[in-house]
């Protein structure tokens, strides 16, 4: 096996990436860049709002889609759950399966680093949980046909090389099937400035009751942004904080500044900025301009679902700010 034929499996956490300061969407980009790649193989499902899709696009790294369409397996899984839930023995099997899935979630609590994610201990825990799930519900609809999906992914990777983003709990099965695959070298990698900036924006967009909002605003204002987390997104996050405390003029100023600098930014950002701008304008009684912002959201080529829902609701009725 030559180095040029090697597949490097990058662990994917899906939406959990938004909660991890040391392994987030920007970290995945930084990791891919250390491998000298000009594209990333995508094995992690079709979610159009996956945080890494925006990050890779903003970084100029195209994605090669290899993940199969698997929505039918989720539907079969739901049908099986509904069927089993009708019988005492079936409900017991569902409880056992839920315990296995809870064990997987428990393994991912706390701060996660690349070193932890690719550790033999964690991957063994995840593999054990999948075996427990299969024992409870059988391989097939009960596991969303995981083994078949892994076989399909392995077949699609034939002839490919380079970094491949794959769901963390798929890594053990893929490593078994792909002799040319390996995990990244955690000893030679450390998250950089892009990861730090991404972590700040992610944190600012998930407020908690005991947050020091002034400190968060100061931290956001000090940054200039980068391609993955541009200044406009930092303004969007800061506007969310100001909106949460009822500072409508401050929120509007930030959002209007962001709205005027959205060209060539991550594709999710314009919809999010304009939808929130519509809400702020509504809260200030500026209905005509609010409607204009909502319509601008719906005219975009790509819109995150939360922004689409916000815009559609805003067109039906003016947004009312409730600070209670």
C-alpha atoms as a PDB file:
ATOM      1  CA  UNK A   1       0.000   0.000   0.000  1.00  0.00           C
ATOM      2  CA  UNK A   2       1.367   3.404  -0.965  1.00  0.00           C
ATOM      3  CA  UNK A   3       0.698   6.666   0.807  1.00  0.00           C
ATOM      4  CA  UNK A   4      -1.151   7.984  -2.229  1.00  0.00           C
ATOM      5  CA  UNK A   5      -3.759   5.227  -1.827  1.00  0.00           C
ATOM      6  CA  UNK A   6      -4.361   5.864   1.849  1.00  0.00           C
ATOM      7  CA  UNK A   7      -7.747   6.967   3.138  1.00  0.00           C
ATOM      8  CA  UNK A   8      -7.565   9.022   6.327  1.00  0.00           C
ATOM      9  CA  UNK A   9     -10.815   8.781   8.285  1.00  0.00           C
ATOM     10  CA  UNK A  10     -11.741  12.053   9.978  1.00  0.00           C
ATOM     11  CA  UNK A  11     -14.224  11.612  12.848  1.00  0.00           C
ATOM     12  CA  UNK A  12     -17.507  13.451  12.476  1.00  0.00           C
ATOM     13  CA  UNK A  13     -19.767  14.442  15.380  1.00  0.00           C
ATOM     14  CA  UNK A  14     -22.550  16.079  13.391  1.00  0.00           C
ATOM     15  CA  UNK A  15     -24.272  18.844  15.343  1.00  0.00           C
ATOM     16  CA  UNK A  16     -22.161  18.010  18.404  1.00  0.00           C
ATOM     17  CA  UNK A  17     -19.332  19.812  16.620  1.00  0.00           C
ATOM     18  CA  UNK A  18     -21.076  23.059  17.593  1.00  0.00           C
ATOM     19  CA  UNK A  19     -20.525  22.201  21.270  1.00  0.00           C
ATOM     20  CA  UNK A  20     -16.842  21.300  21.121  1.00  0.00           C
ATOM     21  CA  UNK A  21     -14.208  24.033  21.498  1.00  0.00           C
ATOM     22  CA  UNK A  22     -11.315  21.712  20.614  1.00  0.00           C
ATOM     23  CA  UNK A  23     -12.953  19.728  17.813  1.00  0.00           C
ATOM     24  CA  UNK A  24     -15.416  21.746  15.774  1.00  0.00           C
ATOM     25  CA  UNK A  25     -16.151  22.365  12.094  1.00  0.00           C
ATOM     26  CA  UNK A  26     -13.063  24.546  11.680  1.00  0.00           C
ATOM     27  CA  UNK A  27     -10.924  21.875  13.345  1.00  0.00           C
ATOM     28  CA  UNK A  28     -12.016  19.409  10.672  1.00  0.00           C
ATOM     29  CA  UNK A  29     -10.866  21.890   8.015  1.00  0.00           C
ATOM     30  CA  UNK A  30      -7.538  22.433   9.766  1.00  0.00           C
ATOM     31  CA  UNK A  31      -7.064  18.684  10.040  1.00  0.00           C
ATOM     32  CA  UNK A  32      -7.869  18.155   6.357  1.00  0.00           C
ATOM     33  CA  UNK A  33      -5.391  20.860   5.382  1.00  0.00           C
ATOM     34  CA  UNK A  34      -2.574  19.153   7.275  1.00  0.00           C
ATOM     35  CA  UNK A  35      -3.073  16.231   4.899  1.00  0.00           C
ATOM     36  CA  UNK A  36      -2.381  18.412   1.868  1.00  0.00           C
ATOM     37  CA  UNK A  37      -5.721  17.691   0.255  1.00  0.00           C
ATOM     38  CA  UNK A  38      -7.709  19.623  -2.329  1.00  0.00           C
ATOM     39  CA  UNK A  39     -11.015  17.832  -1.563  1.00  0.00           C
ATOM     40  CA  UNK A  40     -12.719  15.810   1.174  1.00  0.00           C
ATOM     41  CA  UNK A  41     -14.587  12.545   0.684  1.00  0.00           C
ATOM     42  CA  UNK A  42     -17.999  12.775   2.372  1.00  0.00           C
ATOM     43  CA  UNK A  43     -19.297   9.630   4.090  1.00  0.00           C
ATOM     44  CA  UNK A  44     -21.378  11.269   6.773  1.00  0.00           C
ATOM     45  CA  UNK A  45     -24.907  11.507   5.426  1.00  0.00           C
ATOM     46  CA  UNK A  46     -26.840  14.002   3.331  1.00  0.00           C
ATOM     47  CA  UNK A  47     -27.721  16.671   5.935  1.00  0.00           C
ATOM     48  CA  UNK A  48     -27.464  19.954   3.963  1.00  0.00           C
ATOM     49  CA  UNK A  49     -27.050  21.938   7.196  1.00  0.00           C
ATOM     50  CA  UNK A  50     -24.131  19.931   8.533  1.00  0.00           C
ATOM     51  CA  UNK A  51     -21.691  22.478  10.043  1.00  0.00           C
ATOM     52  CA  UNK A  52     -18.698  21.046   8.193  1.00  0.00           C
ATOM     53  CA  UNK A  53     -20.334  21.653   4.803  1.00  0.00           C
ATOM     54  CA  UNK A  54     -20.264  25.404   5.391  1.00  0.00           C
ATOM     55  CA  UNK A  55     -16.744  25.267   6.801  1.00  0.00           C
ATOM     56  CA  UNK A  56     -15.299  23.290   3.899  1.00  0.00           C
ATOM     57  CA  UNK A  57     -17.038  25.485   1.351  1.00  0.00           C
ATOM     58  CA  UNK A  58     -15.769  28.659   2.988  1.00  0.00           C
ATOM     59  CA  UNK A  59     -12.260  27.199   3.071  1.00  0.00           C
ATOM     60  CA  UNK A  60     -12.375  26.356  -0.629  1.00  0.00           C
ATOM     61  CA  UNK A  61     -12.273  22.593  -0.088  1.00  0.00           C
ATOM     62  CA  UNK A  62     -14.838  20.821  -2.280  1.00  0.00           C
ATOM     63  CA  UNK A  63     -16.734  17.773  -1.080  1.00  0.00           C
ATOM     64  CA  UNK A  64     -17.013  14.517  -3.005  1.00  0.00           C
ATOM     65  CA  UNK A  65     -20.287  12.889  -2.000  1.00  0.00           C
ATOM     66  CA  UNK A  66     -19.990   9.147  -1.389  1.00  0.00           C
ATOM     67  CA  UNK A  67     -22.636   8.633   1.281  1.00  0.00           C
ATOM     68  CA  UNK A  68     -25.645   6.596   0.082  1.00  0.00           C
ATOM     69  CA  UNK A  69     -29.222   7.782   0.415  1.00  0.00           C
ATOM     70  CA  UNK A  70     -30.386   6.079   3.611  1.00  0.00           C
ATOM     71  CA  UNK A  71     -33.628   7.825   4.622  1.00  0.00           C
ATOM     72  CA  UNK A  72     -35.540   4.625   3.907  1.00  0.00           C
ATOM     73  CA  UNK A  73     -33.596   2.869   6.671  1.00  0.00           C
ATOM     74  CA  UNK A  74     -34.658   5.512   9.189  1.00  0.00           C
ATOM     75  CA  UNK A  75     -38.276   5.018   8.117  1.00  0.00           C
ATOM     76  CA  UNK A  76     -37.979   1.257   8.578  1.00  0.00           C
ATOM     77  CA  UNK A  77     -36.422   1.829  11.995  1.00  0.00           C
ATOM     78  CA  UNK A  78     -39.340   4.005  13.072  1.00  0.00           C
ATOM     79  CA  UNK A  79     -41.835   1.441  11.788  1.00  0.00           C
ATOM     80  CA  UNK A  80     -40.086  -1.301  13.762  1.00  0.00           C
ATOM     81  CA  UNK A  81     -40.201   0.815  16.918  1.00  0.00           C
ATOM     82  CA  UNK A  82     -43.928   1.409  16.468  1.00  0.00           C
ATOM     83  CA  UNK A  83     -44.501  -2.318  15.964  1.00  0.00           C
ATOM     84  CA  UNK A  84     -42.419  -3.446  18.955  1.00  0.00           C
ATOM     85  CA  UNK A  85     -44.010  -0.850  21.202  1.00  0.00           C
ATOM     86  CA  UNK A  86     -47.317  -2.713  20.917  1.00  0.00           C
ATOM     87  CA  UNK A  87     -46.060  -5.745  22.872  1.00  0.00           C
ATOM     88  CA  UNK A  88     -44.495  -6.201  26.336  1.00  0.00           C
ATOM     89  CA  UNK A  89     -41.518  -8.150  24.969  1.00  0.00           C
ATOM     90  CA  UNK A  90     -41.080  -5.590  22.229  1.00  0.00           C
ATOM     91  CA  UNK A  91     -41.065  -2.743  24.718  1.00  0.00           C
ATOM     92  CA  UNK A  92     -38.411  -4.561  26.734  1.00  0.00           C
ATOM     93  CA  UNK A  93     -36.247  -4.880  23.628  1.00  0.00           C
ATOM     94  CA  UNK A  94     -36.695  -1.173  22.956  1.00  0.00           C
ATOM     95  CA  UNK A  95     -35.596  -0.359  26.510  1.00  0.00           C
ATOM     96  CA  UNK A  96     -32.470  -2.469  26.065  1.00  0.00           C
ATOM     97  CA  UNK A  97     -31.733  -0.732  22.765  1.00  0.00           C
ATOM     98  CA  UNK A  98     -32.255   2.669  24.380  1.00  0.00           C
ATOM     99  CA  UNK A  99     -29.684   1.759  27.027  1.00  0.00           C
ATOM    100  CA  UNK A 100     -27.163   0.921  24.301  1.00  0.00           C
ATOM    101  CA  UNK A 101     -27.797   4.242  22.557  1.00  0.00           C
ATOM    102  CA  UNK A 102     -27.560   6.084  25.882  1.00  0.00           C
ATOM    103  CA  UNK A 103     -24.174   4.457  26.461  1.00  0.00           C
ATOM    104  CA  UNK A 104     -22.992   5.875  23.132  1.00  0.00           C
ATOM    105  CA  UNK A 105     -24.174   9.339  24.115  1.00  0.00           C
ATOM    106  CA  UNK A 106     -22.554   9.049  27.528  1.00  0.00           C
ATOM    107  CA  UNK A 107     -19.232   8.208  25.916  1.00  0.00           C
ATOM    108  CA  UNK A 108     -19.358  11.566  24.131  1.00  0.00           C
ATOM    109  CA  UNK A 109     -19.995  13.775  27.145  1.00  0.00           C
ATOM    110  CA  UNK A 110     -17.491  16.394  28.176  1.00  0.00           C
ATOM    111  CA  UNK A 111     -14.860  18.171  26.077  1.00  0.00           C
ATOM    112  CA  UNK A 112     -13.626  16.098  23.156  1.00  0.00           C
ATOM    113  CA  UNK A 113     -10.320  16.316  21.337  1.00  0.00           C
ATOM    114  CA  UNK A 114      -9.023  14.526  18.270  1.00  0.00           C
ATOM    115  CA  UNK A 115      -6.864  12.374  20.519  1.00  0.00           C
ATOM    116  CA  UNK A 116      -9.892  11.294  22.548  1.00  0.00           C
ATOM    117  CA  UNK A 117     -12.106  10.738  19.515  1.00  0.00           C
ATOM    118  CA  UNK A 118      -9.717   8.312  17.828  1.00  0.00           C
ATOM    119  CA  UNK A 119      -8.610   6.585  21.018  1.00  0.00           C
ATOM    120  CA  UNK A 120      -8.890   2.805  21.087  1.00  0.00           C
ATOM    121  CA  UNK A 121     -10.896   3.045  24.308  1.00  0.00           C
ATOM    122  CA  UNK A 122     -13.624   5.278  22.893  1.00  0.00           C
ATOM    123  CA  UNK A 123     -13.890   3.421  19.589  1.00  0.00           C
ATOM    124  CA  UNK A 124     -14.199   0.134  21.492  1.00  0.00           C
ATOM    125  CA  UNK A 125     -17.005   1.606  23.618  1.00  0.00           C
ATOM    126  CA  UNK A 126     -18.879   2.697  20.511  1.00  0.00           C
ATOM    127  CA  UNK A 127     -18.412  -0.690  18.844  1.00  0.00           C
ATOM    128  CA  UNK A 128     -19.688  -2.437  21.985  1.00  0.00           C
ATOM    129  CA  UNK A 129     -22.759  -0.196  22.025  1.00  0.00           C
ATOM    130  CA  UNK A 130     -23.525  -1.033  18.402  1.00  0.00           C
ATOM    131  CA  UNK A 131     -23.210  -4.743  19.155  1.00  0.00           C
ATOM    132  CA  UNK A 132     -25.585  -4.322  22.098  1.00  0.00           C
ATOM    133  CA  UNK A 133     -28.042  -2.476  19.866  1.00  0.00           C
ATOM    134  CA  UNK A 134     -27.904  -5.245  17.264  1.00  0.00           C
ATOM    135  CA  UNK A 135     -28.381  -7.869  19.982  1.00  0.00           C
ATOM    136  CA  UNK A 136     -31.492  -6.066  21.210  1.00  0.00           C
ATOM    137  CA  UNK A 137     -33.156  -5.324  17.862  1.00  0.00           C
ATOM    138  CA  UNK A 138     -31.236  -7.512  15.375  1.00  0.00           C
ATOM    139  CA  UNK A 139     -29.221  -6.249  12.439  1.00  0.00           C
ATOM    140  CA  UNK A 140     -31.553  -4.695   9.891  1.00  0.00           C
ATOM    141  CA  UNK A 141     -34.270  -2.134  10.587  1.00  0.00           C
ATOM    142  CA  UNK A 142     -33.302  -2.173  14.267  1.00  0.00           C
ATOM    143  CA  UNK A 143     -29.808  -0.871  13.482  1.00  0.00           C
ATOM    144  CA  UNK A 144     -30.888   1.175  10.462  1.00  0.00           C
ATOM    145  CA  UNK A 145     -29.052  -1.455   8.393  1.00  0.00           C
ATOM    146  CA  UNK A 146     -25.699  -0.263   9.686  1.00  0.00           C
ATOM    147  CA  UNK A 147     -23.677  -3.233   8.437  1.00  0.00           C
ATOM    148  CA  UNK A 148     -25.124  -2.928   4.934  1.00  0.00           C
ATOM    149  CA  UNK A 149     -24.435   0.809   4.938  1.00  0.00           C
ATOM    150  CA  UNK A 150     -20.823   0.252   6.005  1.00  0.00           C
ATOM    151  CA  UNK A 151     -20.405  -2.341   3.244  1.00  0.00           C
ATOM    152  CA  UNK A 152     -21.780   0.200   0.758  1.00  0.00           C
ATOM    153  CA  UNK A 153     -19.427   2.913   1.988  1.00  0.00           C
ATOM    154  CA  UNK A 154     -16.450   0.571   1.725  1.00  0.00           C
ATOM    155  CA  UNK A 155     -17.401  -0.295  -1.856  1.00  0.00           C
ATOM    156  CA  UNK A 156     -17.775   3.364  -2.800  1.00  0.00           C
ATOM    157  CA  UNK A 157     -14.362   4.170  -1.359  1.00  0.00           C
ATOM    158  CA  UNK A 158     -12.681   1.678  -3.663  1.00  0.00           C
ATOM    159  CA  UNK A 159     -10.134   3.539  -5.777  1.00  0.00           C
ATOM    160  CA  UNK A 160     -10.287   6.705  -3.677  1.00  0.00           C
ATOM    161  CA  UNK A 161      -7.690   8.221  -1.394  1.00  0.00           C
ATOM    162  CA  UNK A 162      -7.338  11.229   0.878  1.00  0.00           C
ATOM    163  CA  UNK A 163      -9.307  12.477   3.879  1.00  0.00           C
ATOM    164  CA  UNK A 164     -12.814  11.097   4.349  1.00  0.00           C
ATOM    165  CA  UNK A 165     -15.273  12.520   6.872  1.00  0.00           C
ATOM    166  CA  UNK A 166     -17.172   9.680   8.535  1.00  0.00           C
ATOM    167  CA  UNK A 167     -19.509   9.430  11.513  1.00  0.00           C
ATOM    168  CA  UNK A 168     -17.474   8.694  14.618  1.00  0.00           C
ATOM    169  CA  UNK A 169     -19.323   5.474  15.408  1.00  0.00           C
ATOM    170  CA  UNK A 170     -18.753   4.233  11.843  1.00  0.00           C
ATOM    171  CA  UNK A 171     -14.972   4.348  12.223  1.00  0.00           C
ATOM    172  CA  UNK A 172     -14.502   0.880  13.795  1.00  0.00           C
ATOM    173  CA  UNK A 173     -16.518  -0.804  11.042  1.00  0.00           C
ATOM    174  CA  UNK A 174     -14.815   1.124   8.254  1.00  0.00           C
ATOM    175  CA  UNK A 175     -11.357   0.326   9.597  1.00  0.00           C
ATOM    176  CA  UNK A 176     -12.288  -3.366   9.587  1.00  0.00           C
ATOM    177  CA  UNK A 177     -13.409  -3.187   5.959  1.00  0.00           C
ATOM    178  CA  UNK A 178     -10.714  -0.917   4.535  1.00  0.00           C
ATOM    179  CA  UNK A 179      -7.111  -2.109   4.832  1.00  0.00           C
ATOM    180  CA  UNK A 180      -5.993   1.116   3.140  1.00  0.00           C
ATOM    181  CA  UNK A 181      -7.684   3.301   5.767  1.00  0.00           C
ATOM    182  CA  UNK A 182      -6.107   4.836   8.838  1.00  0.00           C
ATOM    183  CA  UNK A 183      -6.894   7.408  11.481  1.00  0.00           C
ATOM    184  CA  UNK A 184      -5.181  10.813  11.590  1.00  0.00           C
ATOM    185  CA  UNK A 185      -2.076  11.296  13.700  1.00  0.00           C
ATOM    186  CA  UNK A 186      -3.262  13.173  16.775  1.00  0.00           C
ATOM    187  CA  UNK A 187       0.284  13.563  18.103  1.00  0.00           C
ATOM    188  CA  UNK A 188       1.242  15.908  15.266  1.00  0.00           C
ATOM    189  CA  UNK A 189      -1.937  18.004  15.240  1.00  0.00           C
ATOM    190  CA  UNK A 190      -3.210  20.846  17.395  1.00  0.00           C
ATOM    191  CA  UNK A 191      -6.284  23.011  16.736  1.00  0.00           C
ATOM    192  CA  UNK A 192      -5.347  26.453  15.464  1.00  0.00           C
ATOM    193  CA  UNK A 193      -6.798  29.953  15.281  1.00  0.00           C
ATOM    194  CA  UNK A 194      -9.656  28.894  13.024  1.00  0.00           C
ATOM    195  CA  UNK A 195     -10.804  26.389  15.655  1.00  0.00           C
ATOM    196  CA  UNK A 196     -10.562  28.987  18.414  1.00  0.00           C
ATOM    197  CA  UNK A 197     -12.606  31.515  16.467  1.00  0.00           C
ATOM    198  CA  UNK A 198     -15.197  28.914  15.479  1.00  0.00           C
ATOM    199  CA  UNK A 199     -15.508  27.854  19.119  1.00  0.00           C
ATOM    200  CA  UNK A 200     -16.148  31.458  20.165  1.00  0.00           C
ATOM    201  CA  UNK A 201     -18.939  31.924  17.629  1.00  0.00           C
ATOM    202  CA  UNK A 202     -20.508  28.565  18.478  1.00  0.00           C
ATOM    203  CA  UNK A 203     -20.437  29.395  22.176  1.00  0.00           C
ATOM    204  CA  UNK A 204     -21.916  32.857  21.685  1.00  0.00           C
ATOM    205  CA  UNK A 205     -24.830  31.387  19.748  1.00  0.00           C
ATOM    206  CA  UNK A 206     -25.756  29.068  22.653  1.00  0.00           C
ATOM    207  CA  UNK A 207     -26.489  31.273  25.623  1.00  0.00           C
ATOM    208  CA  UNK A 208     -26.897  30.034  29.192  1.00  0.00           C
ATOM    209  CA  UNK A 209     -28.503  31.794  32.129  1.00  0.00           C
ATOM    210  CA  UNK A 210     -25.223  32.254  34.001  1.00  0.00           C
ATOM    211  CA  UNK A 211     -23.239  33.577  31.015  1.00  0.00           C
ATOM    212  CA  UNK A 212     -21.206  36.750  31.345  1.00  0.00           C
ATOM    213  CA  UNK A 213     -22.777  38.459  28.347  1.00  0.00           C
ATOM    214  CA  UNK A 214     -20.510  41.496  28.526  1.00  0.00           C
ATOM    215  CA  UNK A 215     -17.449  39.275  28.326  1.00  0.00           C
ATOM    216  CA  UNK A 216     -18.899  37.402  25.353  1.00  0.00           C
ATOM    217  CA  UNK A 217     -19.680  40.654  23.545  1.00  0.00           C
ATOM    218  CA  UNK A 218     -16.192  41.988  24.231  1.00  0.00           C
ATOM    219  CA  UNK A 219     -14.629  38.776  22.919  1.00  0.00           C
ATOM    220  CA  UNK A 220     -16.711  38.916  19.735  1.00  0.00           C
ATOM    221  CA  UNK A 221     -15.899  42.575  19.131  1.00  0.00           C
ATOM    222  CA  UNK A 222     -12.141  42.002  19.438  1.00  0.00           C
ATOM    223  CA  UNK A 223     -12.070  39.523  16.558  1.00  0.00           C
ATOM    224  CA  UNK A 224     -11.846  40.351  12.873  1.00  0.00           C
ATOM    225  CA  UNK A 225     -13.045  36.959  11.648  1.00  0.00           C
ATOM    226  CA  UNK A 226     -11.735  34.614   8.978  1.00  0.00           C
ATOM    227  CA  UNK A 227     -13.101  32.744   5.969  1.00  0.00           C
ATOM    228  CA  UNK A 228     -14.808  30.042   8.038  1.00  0.00           C
ATOM    229  CA  UNK A 229     -16.109  32.359  10.763  1.00  0.00           C
ATOM    230  CA  UNK A 230     -16.313  35.811   9.137  1.00  0.00           C
ATOM    231  CA  UNK A 231     -16.857  39.134  10.848  1.00  0.00           C
ATOM    232  CA  UNK A 232     -20.494  39.035   9.713  1.00  0.00           C
ATOM    233  CA  UNK A 233     -21.101  35.865  11.720  1.00  0.00           C
ATOM    234  CA  UNK A 234     -19.490  37.383  14.793  1.00  0.00           C
ATOM    235  CA  UNK A 235     -21.849  40.351  14.385  1.00  0.00           C
ATOM    236  CA  UNK A 236     -24.766  37.927  14.019  1.00  0.00           C
ATOM    237  CA  UNK A 237     -23.797  36.188  17.259  1.00  0.00           C
ATOM    238  CA  UNK A 238     -23.371  39.504  19.070  1.00  0.00           C
ATOM    239  CA  UNK A 239     -26.747  40.673  17.777  1.00  0.00           C
ATOM    240  CA  UNK A 240     -28.334  37.562  19.241  1.00  0.00           C
ATOM    241  CA  UNK A 241     -26.943  38.482  22.646  1.00  0.00           C
ATOM    242  CA  UNK A 242     -28.186  42.062  22.368  1.00  0.00           C
ATOM    243  CA  UNK A 243     -31.595  40.848  21.241  1.00  0.00           C
ATOM    244  CA  UNK A 244     -31.764  38.495  24.231  1.00  0.00           C
ATOM    245  CA  UNK A 245     -31.384  41.440  26.625  1.00  0.00           C
ATOM    246  CA  UNK A 246     -33.738  43.714  24.695  1.00  0.00           C
ATOM    247  CA  UNK A 247     -31.130  45.992  23.115  1.00  0.00           C
ATOM    248  CA  UNK A 248     -32.954  46.342  19.810  1.00  0.00           C
ATOM    249  CA  UNK A 249     -30.975  49.305  18.412  1.00  0.00           C
ATOM    250  CA  UNK A 250     -27.685  47.546  19.145  1.00  0.00           C
ATOM    251  CA  UNK A 251     -28.886  44.289  17.612  1.00  0.00           C
ATOM    252  CA  UNK A 252     -30.190  46.038  14.512  1.00  0.00           C
ATOM    253  CA  UNK A 253     -26.972  47.955  13.928  1.00  0.00           C
ATOM    254  CA  UNK A 254     -24.950  44.739  14.081  1.00  0.00           C
ATOM    255  CA  UNK A 255     -27.319  42.825  11.813  1.00  0.00           C
ATOM    256  CA  UNK A 256     -27.471  45.580   9.222  1.00  0.00           C
ATOM    257  CA  UNK A 257     -23.685  45.743   9.208  1.00  0.00           C
ATOM    258  CA  UNK A 258     -23.582  41.976   8.749  1.00  0.00           C
ATOM    259  CA  UNK A 259     -26.220  42.080   6.007  1.00  0.00           C
ATOM    260  CA  UNK A 260     -24.107  44.505   3.990  1.00  0.00           C
ATOM    261  CA  UNK A 261     -21.091  42.174   4.013  1.00  0.00           C
ATOM    262  CA  UNK A 262     -22.556  38.774   3.192  1.00  0.00           C
ATOM    263  CA  UNK A 263     -20.966  38.178  -0.211  1.00  0.00           C
ATOM    264  CA  UNK A 264     -18.784  35.068  -0.452  1.00  0.00           C
ATOM    265  CA  UNK A 265     -19.573  34.010   3.113  1.00  0.00           C
ATOM    266  CA  UNK A 266     -20.636  30.556   4.370  1.00  0.00           C
ATOM    267  CA  UNK A 267     -23.881  29.698   2.617  1.00  0.00           C
ATOM    268  CA  UNK A 268     -25.987  29.375   5.793  1.00  0.00           C
ATOM    269  CA  UNK A 269     -25.131  32.841   7.067  1.00  0.00           C
ATOM    270  CA  UNK A 270     -27.195  35.134   4.774  1.00  0.00           C
ATOM    271  CA  UNK A 271     -30.459  33.407   5.646  1.00  0.00           C
ATOM    272  CA  UNK A 272     -29.741  33.467   9.367  1.00  0.00           C
ATOM    273  CA  UNK A 273     -28.735  37.140   9.359  1.00  0.00           C
ATOM    274  CA  UNK A 274     -31.684  38.328   7.287  1.00  0.00           C
ATOM    275  CA  UNK A 275     -34.226  36.296   9.259  1.00  0.00           C
ATOM    276  CA  UNK A 276     -33.031  37.757  12.548  1.00  0.00           C
ATOM    277  CA  UNK A 277     -32.888  41.231  11.024  1.00  0.00           C
ATOM    278  CA  UNK A 278     -36.533  40.833  10.070  1.00  0.00           C
ATOM    279  CA  UNK A 279     -37.386  39.945  13.662  1.00  0.00           C
ATOM    280  CA  UNK A 280     -35.549  42.960  15.059  1.00  0.00           C
ATOM    281  CA  UNK A 281     -37.215  45.306  12.588  1.00  0.00           C
ATOM    282  CA  UNK A 282     -40.581  43.812  13.553  1.00  0.00           C
ATOM    283  CA  UNK A 283     -39.833  44.253  17.246  1.00  0.00           C
ATOM    284  CA  UNK A 284     -39.116  47.933  16.546  1.00  0.00           C
ATOM    285  CA  UNK A 285     -42.395  48.332  14.667  1.00  0.00           C
ATOM    286  CA  UNK A 286     -40.725  48.648  11.261  1.00  0.00           C
ATOM    287  CA  UNK A 287     -43.037  46.182   9.555  1.00  0.00           C
ATOM    288  CA  UNK A 288     -42.378  47.088   5.919  1.00  0.00           C
ATOM    289  CA  UNK A 289     -38.621  46.616   6.229  1.00  0.00           C
ATOM    290  CA  UNK A 290     -39.151  43.454   8.277  1.00  0.00           C
ATOM    291  CA  UNK A 291     -41.240  41.956   5.479  1.00  0.00           C
ATOM    292  CA  UNK A 292     -38.542  42.919   2.999  1.00  0.00           C
ATOM    293  CA  UNK A 293     -35.960  41.021   5.063  1.00  0.00           C
ATOM    294  CA  UNK A 294     -38.185  37.940   5.341  1.00  0.00           C
ATOM    295  CA  UNK A 295     -38.766  37.918   1.582  1.00  0.00           C
ATOM    296  CA  UNK A 296     -35.037  38.246   0.990  1.00  0.00           C
ATOM    297  CA  UNK A 297     -34.519  35.102   3.063  1.00  0.00           C
ATOM    298  CA  UNK A 298     -36.924  33.087   0.942  1.00  0.00           C
ATOM    299  CA  UNK A 299     -35.290  34.337  -2.265  1.00  0.00           C
ATOM    300  CA  UNK A 300     -31.911  32.849  -1.349  1.00  0.00           C
ATOM    301  CA  UNK A 301     -30.631  29.736  -3.070  1.00  0.00           C
ATOM    302  CA  UNK A 302     -29.897  27.994   0.230  1.00  0.00           C
ATOM    303  CA  UNK A 303     -31.647  28.713   3.516  1.00  0.00           C
ATOM    304  CA  UNK A 304     -31.261  26.850   6.832  1.00  0.00           C
ATOM    305  CA  UNK A 305     -34.599  25.463   7.952  1.00  0.00           C
ATOM    306  CA  UNK A 306     -34.715  27.606  11.087  1.00  0.00           C
ATOM    307  CA  UNK A 307     -34.274  30.747   8.981  1.00  0.00           C
ATOM    308  CA  UNK A 308     -36.919  29.594   6.506  1.00  0.00           C
ATOM    309  CA  UNK A 309     -39.367  28.881   9.339  1.00  0.00           C
ATOM    310  CA  UNK A 310     -38.635  32.285  10.881  1.00  0.00           C
ATOM    311  CA  UNK A 311     -39.183  34.096   7.589  1.00  0.00           C
ATOM    312  CA  UNK A 312     -42.394  32.260   6.771  1.00  0.00           C
ATOM    313  CA  UNK A 313     -43.773  32.920  10.250  1.00  0.00           C
ATOM    314  CA  UNK A 314     -42.702  36.561  10.013  1.00  0.00           C
ATOM    315  CA  UNK A 315     -44.580  37.046   6.760  1.00  0.00           C
ATOM    316  CA  UNK A 316     -47.749  35.697   8.362  1.00  0.00           C
ATOM    317  CA  UNK A 317     -47.535  37.741  11.555  1.00  0.00           C
ATOM    318  CA  UNK A 318     -45.166  40.335  12.968  1.00  0.00           C
ATOM    319  CA  UNK A 319     -42.562  39.017  15.392  1.00  0.00           C
ATOM    320  CA  UNK A 320     -43.100  40.092  19.007  1.00  0.00           C
ATOM    321  CA  UNK A 321     -40.130  40.135  21.374  1.00  0.00           C
ATOM    322  CA  UNK A 322     -40.869  38.427  24.698  1.00  0.00           C
ATOM    323  CA  UNK A 323     -38.160  38.956  27.312  1.00  0.00           C
ATOM    324  CA  UNK A 324     -39.972  37.232  30.178  1.00  0.00           C
END
